[in-house]
């Protein structure tokens, strides 16, 4: 159990509020998706929780970061890869 707590201590909890604001509970400050993207690049572990329900929405937020990066001209994902991803959702 101590190992689980130690691993949990390294994970930064981010709360997402209904007004779409993101709150870093470790630094007690509001942050942006750009901040989360930078945290990801730096290898910082975080979990994004819906502030009202407590549900883990990290997957949705990471997907949103990728979409924002792609929309801003940082097109890293080849079209064929994107097509494969879509096909994977249809086969699950």
Protein backbone atom coordinates (compact mmCIF):
# COMPACT_ATOMS: atom_id res chain seq x y z
CA UNK A 1 0.00 0.00 0.00
CA UNK A 2 2.86 2.37 0.67
CA UNK A 3 3.98 1.99 -2.95
CA UNK A 4 0.54 3.01 -4.23
CA UNK A 5 0.59 6.08 -2.01
CA UNK A 6 4.10 6.98 -3.14
CA UNK A 7 3.06 6.72 -6.79
CA UNK A 8 -0.07 8.75 -6.06
CA UNK A 9 2.01 11.50 -4.47
CA UNK A 10 3.78 12.01 -7.82
CA UNK A 11 0.52 12.41 -9.73
CA UNK A 12 -0.73 15.97 -9.96
CA UNK A 13 -4.51 16.22 -9.67
CA UNK A 14 -6.13 18.67 -12.07
CA UNK A 15 -9.80 19.54 -11.61
CA UNK A 16 -11.89 20.63 -14.57
CA UNK A 17 -14.84 22.83 -13.69
CA UNK A 18 -18.11 23.31 -15.59
CA UNK A 19 -16.84 26.67 -16.89
CA UNK A 20 -14.01 24.69 -18.61
CA UNK A 21 -11.35 26.05 -16.27
CA UNK A 22 -8.58 23.71 -15.16
CA UNK A 23 -7.28 23.90 -11.59
CA UNK A 24 -3.93 22.45 -10.52
CA UNK A 25 -4.44 21.28 -6.95
CA UNK A 26 -0.70 21.01 -6.28
CA UNK A 27 0.14 24.61 -7.20
CA UNK A 28 -3.32 25.94 -6.24
CA UNK A 29 -3.61 27.79 -9.53
CA UNK A 30 -5.66 27.78 -12.70
CA UNK A 31 -3.87 26.45 -15.77
CA UNK A 32 -4.53 26.10 -19.49
CA UNK A 33 -4.41 23.22 -21.94
CA UNK A 34 -1.05 24.61 -23.04
CA UNK A 35 0.22 24.12 -19.49
CA UNK A 36 -1.01 20.52 -19.54
CA UNK A 37 0.69 19.94 -22.89
CA UNK A 38 3.95 21.26 -21.42
CA UNK A 39 3.54 19.06 -18.33
CA UNK A 40 3.10 16.07 -20.66
CA UNK A 41 6.26 16.96 -22.59
CA UNK A 42 8.15 17.24 -19.29
CA UNK A 43 6.96 13.78 -18.22
CA UNK A 44 4.89 15.06 -15.30
CA UNK A 45 2.17 12.58 -14.35
CA UNK A 46 -1.26 14.10 -13.91
CA UNK A 47 -4.87 13.05 -13.68
CA UNK A 48 -7.75 15.29 -14.73
CA UNK A 49 -10.94 14.90 -12.73
CA UNK A 50 -14.34 16.41 -13.41
CA UNK A 51 -14.81 18.69 -10.40
CA UNK A 52 -18.51 17.91 -10.04
CA UNK A 53 -18.65 14.14 -10.61
CA UNK A 54 -15.08 13.18 -9.74
CA UNK A 55 -14.85 11.13 -12.96
CA UNK A 56 -11.43 10.69 -14.53
CA UNK A 57 -11.46 12.65 -17.80
CA UNK A 58 -7.72 12.53 -18.49
CA UNK A 59 -8.25 10.63 -21.77
CA UNK A 60 -10.62 13.32 -23.06
CA UNK A 61 -8.24 16.12 -22.12
CA UNK A 62 -5.25 14.42 -23.76
CA UNK A 63 -7.31 13.93 -26.92
CA UNK A 64 -8.28 17.61 -26.81
CA UNK A 65 -4.61 18.62 -26.53
CA UNK A 66 -3.78 16.53 -29.62
CA UNK A 67 -6.67 18.07 -31.57
CA UNK A 68 -5.56 21.58 -30.59
CA UNK A 69 -1.96 20.87 -31.65
CA UNK A 70 -3.14 19.48 -34.99
CA UNK A 71 -5.45 22.48 -35.56
CA UNK A 72 -2.59 24.91 -34.88
CA UNK A 73 -0.48 23.59 -37.74
CA UNK A 74 1.48 21.01 -35.75
CA UNK A 75 0.26 18.15 -37.92
CA UNK A 76 2.28 15.23 -36.63
CA UNK A 77 -0.24 12.46 -37.26
CA UNK A 78 -0.28 11.03 -40.79
CA UNK A 79 -3.68 10.65 -42.45
CA UNK A 80 -3.25 6.88 -42.72
CA UNK A 81 -2.64 6.65 -38.97
CA UNK A 82 -5.77 8.69 -38.27
CA UNK A 83 -7.77 6.38 -40.52
CA UNK A 84 -6.42 3.36 -38.64
CA UNK A 85 -7.47 4.93 -35.35
CA UNK A 86 -11.00 5.45 -36.62
CA UNK A 87 -11.14 1.84 -37.80
CA UNK A 88 -9.99 0.66 -34.37
CA UNK A 89 -12.97 2.38 -32.75
CA UNK A 90 -15.30 0.56 -35.12
CA UNK A 91 -13.79 -2.83 -34.24
CA UNK A 92 -13.82 -2.57 -30.47
